[in-house]
């Protein structure tokens, strides 16, 4: 019962016997299959103090799946990065390497953006 109470939001206690508690609802997006993902790999320098990052955009699916993909790509490149706002940021210029890795991993609709 304690778990059920933690899921309730916006109410501490109600004396109304017919009151329906609001529960947190997660908007989970079903992750598309790898061959249906339309990913875009590009290099970005904007607002990054002149440092280059490789940006992967276009992922449709669950945030946890995106974080897992980001973790795999960072480890294969041996660099740091982050996953936020539905994008994967990899430190450094790894556009060609990441493009090849994604194609090899089954993301067949991946495209390169920019020069």
N, C-alpha and C. Protein backbone atom coordinates (compact mmCIF):
# COMPACT_ATOMS: atom_id res chain seq x y z
N UNK A 1 0.81 -1.19 0.00
CA UNK A 1 0.00 0.00 0.00
C UNK A 1 0.86 1.26 0.00
N UNK A 2 2.03 1.21 0.62
CA UNK A 2 2.89 2.38 0.67
C UNK A 2 3.31 2.80 -0.73
N UNK A 3 3.56 1.84 -1.61
CA UNK A 3 3.95 2.17 -2.97
C UNK A 3 2.82 2.88 -3.69
N UNK A 4 1.59 2.43 -3.49
CA UNK A 4 0.45 3.03 -4.14
C UNK A 4 0.29 4.48 -3.70
N UNK A 5 0.54 4.78 -2.42
CA UNK A 5 0.43 6.14 -1.93
C UNK A 5 1.49 7.03 -2.53
N UNK A 6 2.67 6.51 -2.79
CA UNK A 6 3.73 7.32 -3.38
C UNK A 6 3.41 7.72 -4.80
N UNK A 7 2.60 6.93 -5.49
CA UNK A 7 2.24 7.23 -6.87
C UNK A 7 1.20 8.33 -6.97
N UNK A 8 0.54 8.65 -5.87
CA UNK A 8 -0.49 9.69 -5.87
C UNK A 8 0.17 11.06 -5.93
N UNK A 9 -0.46 11.95 -6.70
CA UNK A 9 0.08 13.31 -6.82
C UNK A 9 -1.00 14.33 -6.47
N UNK A 10 -0.58 15.48 -5.99
CA UNK A 10 -1.42 16.65 -5.72
C UNK A 10 -2.41 16.47 -4.58
N UNK A 11 -2.32 15.41 -3.76
CA UNK A 11 -3.23 15.23 -2.63
C UNK A 11 -2.45 14.62 -1.48
N UNK A 12 -2.65 15.19 -0.30
CA UNK A 12 -2.06 14.61 0.89
C UNK A 12 -3.04 13.62 1.50
N UNK A 13 -4.32 14.04 1.63
CA UNK A 13 -5.33 13.16 2.23
C UNK A 13 -6.70 13.68 1.82
N UNK A 14 -7.64 12.79 1.59
CA UNK A 14 -9.00 13.20 1.27
C UNK A 14 -9.98 12.40 2.11
N UNK A 15 -11.01 13.10 2.64
CA UNK A 15 -12.05 12.42 3.41
C UNK A 15 -13.22 11.99 2.54
N UNK A 16 -13.21 12.37 1.28
CA UNK A 16 -14.27 12.01 0.35
C UNK A 16 -14.11 10.55 -0.05
N UNK A 17 -15.08 9.67 0.28
CA UNK A 17 -14.93 8.25 -0.04
C UNK A 17 -14.96 7.95 -1.54
N UNK A 18 -15.49 8.87 -2.34
CA UNK A 18 -15.57 8.66 -3.79
C UNK A 18 -14.42 9.34 -4.54
N UNK A 19 -13.48 9.92 -3.83
CA UNK A 19 -12.39 10.65 -4.47
C UNK A 19 -11.46 9.70 -5.21
N UNK A 20 -11.10 10.07 -6.43
CA UNK A 20 -10.16 9.28 -7.23
C UNK A 20 -8.81 9.99 -7.22
N UNK A 21 -7.80 9.32 -6.73
CA UNK A 21 -6.47 9.90 -6.69
C UNK A 21 -5.89 9.97 -8.09
N UNK A 22 -5.14 11.05 -8.34
CA UNK A 22 -4.42 11.14 -9.60
C UNK A 22 -3.11 10.37 -9.45
N UNK A 23 -2.75 9.65 -10.45
CA UNK A 23 -1.48 8.93 -10.44
C UNK A 23 -0.59 9.50 -11.53
N UNK A 24 0.70 9.40 -11.29
CA UNK A 24 1.63 9.85 -12.32
C UNK A 24 1.55 8.90 -13.50
N UNK A 25 1.35 9.46 -14.65
CA UNK A 25 1.29 8.67 -15.88
C UNK A 25 2.51 9.02 -16.72
N UNK A 26 3.29 8.03 -17.04
CA UNK A 26 4.44 8.28 -17.89
C UNK A 26 4.00 8.14 -19.33
N UNK A 27 4.37 9.12 -20.14
CA UNK A 27 4.08 9.05 -21.55
C UNK A 27 5.20 8.26 -22.22
N UNK A 28 5.00 6.96 -22.29
CA UNK A 28 6.04 6.13 -22.88
C UNK A 28 5.79 6.00 -24.38
N UNK A 29 6.82 6.28 -25.13
CA UNK A 29 6.77 6.18 -26.57
C UNK A 29 7.40 4.85 -26.95
N UNK A 30 6.71 4.11 -27.76
CA UNK A 30 7.25 2.83 -28.18
C UNK A 30 8.43 3.06 -29.12
N UNK A 31 9.52 2.39 -28.84
CA UNK A 31 10.72 2.55 -29.64
C UNK A 31 10.55 1.84 -30.98
N UNK A 32 10.85 2.58 -32.05
CA UNK A 32 10.78 1.99 -33.39
C UNK A 32 11.91 0.99 -33.57
N UNK A 33 11.72 0.06 -34.48
CA UNK A 33 12.76 -0.91 -34.81
C UNK A 33 13.96 -0.18 -35.40
N UNK A 34 15.14 -0.78 -35.26
CA UNK A 34 16.37 -0.14 -35.74
C UNK A 34 16.27 0.26 -37.20
N UNK A 35 15.71 -0.61 -38.04
CA UNK A 35 15.66 -0.30 -39.47
C UNK A 35 14.60 0.74 -39.82
N UNK A 36 13.77 1.16 -38.85
CA UNK A 36 12.78 2.20 -39.08
C UNK A 36 13.21 3.55 -38.52
N UNK A 37 14.27 3.58 -37.74
CA UNK A 37 14.77 4.83 -37.16
C UNK A 37 15.44 5.67 -38.25
N UNK A 38 15.04 6.95 -38.33
CA UNK A 38 15.67 7.87 -39.28
C UNK A 38 16.58 8.80 -38.48
N UNK A 39 17.83 8.35 -38.30
CA UNK A 39 18.79 9.10 -37.50
C UNK A 39 19.63 10.00 -38.41
N UNK A 40 20.02 11.14 -37.86
CA UNK A 40 20.87 12.09 -38.58
C UNK A 40 22.12 12.34 -37.75
N UNK A 41 23.28 12.16 -38.36
CA UNK A 41 24.56 12.33 -37.68
C UNK A 41 25.21 13.59 -38.25
N UNK A 42 25.56 14.54 -37.38
CA UNK A 42 26.16 15.79 -37.82
C UNK A 42 27.19 16.28 -36.81
N UNK A 43 27.98 17.27 -37.23
CA UNK A 43 28.97 17.91 -36.36
C UNK A 43 28.40 19.25 -35.94
N UNK A 44 28.53 19.59 -34.67
CA UNK A 44 27.99 20.84 -34.15
C UNK A 44 29.05 21.53 -33.31
N UNK A 45 29.19 22.86 -33.49
CA UNK A 45 30.12 23.66 -32.70
C UNK A 45 29.40 24.80 -31.98
N UNK A 46 28.12 24.98 -32.27
CA UNK A 46 27.39 26.11 -31.72
C UNK A 46 27.26 26.02 -30.21
N UNK A 47 27.50 27.12 -29.54
CA UNK A 47 27.36 27.26 -28.09
C UNK A 47 28.14 26.19 -27.32
N UNK A 48 29.31 25.83 -27.84
CA UNK A 48 30.12 24.81 -27.17
C UNK A 48 31.57 25.28 -27.01
N UNK A 49 31.77 26.57 -26.91
CA UNK A 49 33.10 27.16 -26.71
C UNK A 49 34.08 26.71 -27.79
N UNK A 50 33.61 26.55 -29.03
CA UNK A 50 34.47 26.19 -30.15
C UNK A 50 34.80 24.72 -30.24
N UNK A 51 34.33 23.92 -29.30
CA UNK A 51 34.63 22.49 -29.33
C UNK A 51 33.60 21.77 -30.20
N UNK A 52 34.07 20.77 -30.93
CA UNK A 52 33.18 20.01 -31.79
C UNK A 52 32.52 18.86 -31.02
N UNK A 53 31.27 18.62 -31.33
CA UNK A 53 30.58 17.43 -30.85
C UNK A 53 29.89 16.79 -32.04
N UNK A 54 29.74 15.49 -31.98
CA UNK A 54 28.97 14.78 -32.98
C UNK A 54 27.57 14.62 -32.42
N UNK A 55 26.59 15.03 -33.20
CA UNK A 55 25.21 15.08 -32.77
C UNK A 55 24.41 14.03 -33.52
N UNK A 56 23.65 13.22 -32.79
CA UNK A 56 22.78 12.22 -33.41
C UNK A 56 21.35 12.58 -33.03
N UNK A 57 20.55 12.88 -34.06
CA UNK A 57 19.17 13.33 -33.86
C UNK A 57 18.19 12.38 -34.55
N UNK A 58 16.93 12.48 -34.18
CA UNK A 58 15.88 11.77 -34.89
C UNK A 58 15.43 10.47 -34.26
N UNK A 59 15.96 10.12 -33.09
CA UNK A 59 15.58 8.87 -32.44
C UNK A 59 14.14 8.96 -31.96
N UNK A 60 13.33 7.96 -32.29
CA UNK A 60 11.94 7.91 -31.83
C UNK A 60 11.80 6.71 -30.93
N UNK A 61 11.50 6.98 -29.66
CA UNK A 61 11.33 5.87 -28.74
C UNK A 61 11.53 6.27 -27.30
N UNK A 62 11.67 5.27 -26.48
CA UNK A 62 11.79 5.41 -25.04
C UNK A 62 13.12 6.07 -24.67
N UNK A 63 13.09 6.93 -23.67
CA UNK A 63 14.29 7.64 -23.22
C UNK A 63 15.39 6.67 -22.76
N UNK A 64 14.99 5.57 -22.13
CA UNK A 64 15.98 4.58 -21.67
C UNK A 64 16.69 3.91 -22.85
N UNK A 65 15.95 3.65 -23.93
CA UNK A 65 16.57 3.06 -25.13
C UNK A 65 17.56 4.03 -25.76
N UNK A 66 17.21 5.32 -25.76
CA UNK A 66 18.10 6.34 -26.30
C UNK A 66 19.37 6.43 -25.46
N UNK A 67 19.22 6.40 -24.13
CA UNK A 67 20.39 6.46 -23.24
C UNK A 67 21.28 5.24 -23.44
N UNK A 68 20.69 4.08 -23.65
CA UNK A 68 21.47 2.86 -23.88
C UNK A 68 22.26 2.96 -25.18
N UNK A 69 21.63 3.47 -26.23
CA UNK A 69 22.33 3.66 -27.51
C UNK A 69 23.47 4.66 -27.33
N UNK A 70 23.22 5.75 -26.61
CA UNK A 70 24.27 6.74 -26.36
C UNK A 70 25.44 6.14 -25.60
N UNK A 71 25.15 5.32 -24.62
CA UNK A 71 26.19 4.66 -23.82
C UNK A 71 27.06 3.75 -24.70
N UNK A 72 26.42 3.00 -25.57
CA UNK A 72 27.15 2.09 -26.48
C UNK A 72 28.05 2.89 -27.42
N UNK A 73 27.50 3.96 -28.00
CA UNK A 73 28.28 4.76 -28.97
C UNK A 73 29.45 5.47 -28.29
N UNK A 74 29.24 5.99 -27.09
CA UNK A 74 30.33 6.65 -26.37
C UNK A 74 31.45 5.66 -26.08
N UNK A 75 31.09 4.46 -25.67
CA UNK A 75 32.13 3.47 -25.34
C UNK A 75 32.88 3.02 -26.59
N UNK A 76 32.19 2.91 -27.72
CA UNK A 76 32.87 2.48 -28.96
C UNK A 76 33.82 3.55 -29.48
N UNK A 77 33.53 4.83 -29.16
CA UNK A 77 34.42 5.92 -29.57
C UNK A 77 35.46 6.23 -28.50
N UNK A 78 35.26 5.72 -27.30
CA UNK A 78 36.21 5.96 -26.21
C UNK A 78 36.21 7.39 -25.71
N UNK A 79 35.07 8.06 -25.80
CA UNK A 79 34.98 9.46 -25.37
C UNK A 79 33.72 9.66 -24.52
N UNK A 80 33.59 10.85 -23.98
CA UNK A 80 32.41 11.19 -23.20
C UNK A 80 31.32 11.77 -24.08
N UNK A 81 30.23 12.09 -23.44
CA UNK A 81 29.11 12.68 -24.15
C UNK A 81 27.90 12.70 -23.25
N UNK A 82 26.75 13.00 -23.82
CA UNK A 82 25.53 13.03 -23.03
C UNK A 82 24.33 12.74 -23.91
N UNK A 83 23.22 12.47 -23.24
CA UNK A 83 21.95 12.25 -23.92
C UNK A 83 20.97 13.21 -23.28
N UNK A 84 20.44 14.16 -24.08
CA UNK A 84 19.45 15.09 -23.56
C UNK A 84 18.62 15.65 -24.70
N UNK A 85 17.40 16.02 -24.38
CA UNK A 85 16.46 16.58 -25.36
C UNK A 85 16.29 15.69 -26.59
N UNK A 86 16.34 14.38 -26.41
CA UNK A 86 16.15 13.46 -27.52
C UNK A 86 17.32 13.37 -28.47
N UNK A 87 18.48 13.87 -28.06
CA UNK A 87 19.67 13.86 -28.90
C UNK A 87 20.83 13.19 -28.15
N UNK A 88 21.73 12.61 -28.92
CA UNK A 88 22.96 12.04 -28.35
C UNK A 88 24.10 12.96 -28.76
N UNK A 89 24.87 13.42 -27.79
CA UNK A 89 26.04 14.26 -28.06
C UNK A 89 27.29 13.46 -27.72
N UNK A 90 28.19 13.33 -28.67
CA UNK A 90 29.45 12.63 -28.48
C UNK A 90 30.56 13.66 -28.63
N UNK A 91 31.46 13.74 -27.64
CA UNK A 91 32.53 14.74 -27.69
C UNK A 91 33.50 14.41 -28.81
N UNK A 92 33.77 15.40 -29.66
CA UNK A 92 34.73 15.22 -30.75
C UNK A 92 34.05 14.98 -32.09
N UNK A 93 34.87 14.92 -33.13
CA UNK A 93 34.38 14.72 -34.49
C UNK A 93 34.44 13.24 -34.85
N UNK A 94 33.33 12.55 -34.67
CA UNK A 94 33.25 11.12 -34.96
C UNK A 94 32.11 10.82 -35.93
N UNK A 95 31.76 11.79 -36.78
CA UNK A 95 30.60 11.63 -37.65
C UNK A 95 30.71 10.38 -38.53
N UNK A 96 31.82 10.21 -39.21
CA UNK A 96 31.96 9.07 -40.12
C UNK A 96 31.98 7.74 -39.37
N UNK A 97 32.69 7.70 -38.25
CA UNK A 97 32.77 6.47 -37.46
C UNK A 97 31.39 6.10 -36.91
N UNK A 98 30.67 7.07 -36.35
CA UNK A 98 29.34 6.80 -35.79
C UNK A 98 28.35 6.41 -36.88
N UNK A 99 28.46 7.04 -38.04
CA UNK A 99 27.60 6.68 -39.16
C UNK A 99 27.80 5.20 -39.53
N UNK A 100 29.06 4.81 -39.67
CA UNK A 100 29.37 3.41 -40.00
C UNK A 100 28.90 2.45 -38.91
N UNK A 101 29.10 2.83 -37.64
CA UNK A 101 28.66 1.97 -36.53
C UNK A 101 27.14 1.79 -36.52
N UNK A 102 26.41 2.87 -36.76
CA UNK A 102 24.95 2.80 -36.76
C UNK A 102 24.43 1.94 -37.91
N UNK A 103 25.00 2.12 -39.10
CA UNK A 103 24.60 1.32 -40.26
C UNK A 103 24.88 -0.16 -39.99
N UNK A 104 26.07 -0.44 -39.45
CA UNK A 104 26.46 -1.82 -39.16
C UNK A 104 25.55 -2.44 -38.10
N UNK A 105 25.06 -1.62 -37.16
CA UNK A 105 24.22 -2.11 -36.07
C UNK A 105 22.75 -2.27 -36.48
N UNK A 106 22.40 -1.93 -37.72
CA UNK A 106 21.04 -2.13 -38.20
C UNK A 106 20.21 -0.87 -38.38
N UNK A 107 20.78 0.29 -38.07
CA UNK A 107 20.07 1.56 -38.29
C UNK A 107 20.28 1.98 -39.75
N UNK A 108 19.58 1.29 -40.67
CA UNK A 108 19.86 1.41 -42.11
C UNK A 108 19.41 2.74 -42.71
N UNK A 109 18.54 3.48 -42.06
CA UNK A 109 18.07 4.76 -42.61
C UNK A 109 18.86 5.94 -42.09
N UNK A 110 19.99 5.70 -41.48
CA UNK A 110 20.83 6.78 -40.94
C UNK A 110 21.42 7.60 -42.08
N UNK A 111 21.46 8.93 -41.88
CA UNK A 111 22.02 9.83 -42.89
C UNK A 111 23.00 10.78 -42.23
N UNK A 112 23.96 11.26 -43.03
CA UNK A 112 24.89 12.30 -42.56
C UNK A 112 24.32 13.66 -42.90
N UNK A 113 24.46 14.59 -41.98
CA UNK A 113 24.06 15.97 -42.24
C UNK A 113 25.30 16.85 -42.24
N UNK A 114 25.32 17.82 -43.10
CA UNK A 114 26.42 18.78 -43.12
C UNK A 114 27.62 18.26 -43.87
N UNK A 115 28.66 19.15 -44.00
CA UNK A 115 29.87 18.93 -44.75
C UNK A 115 30.48 17.64 -44.55
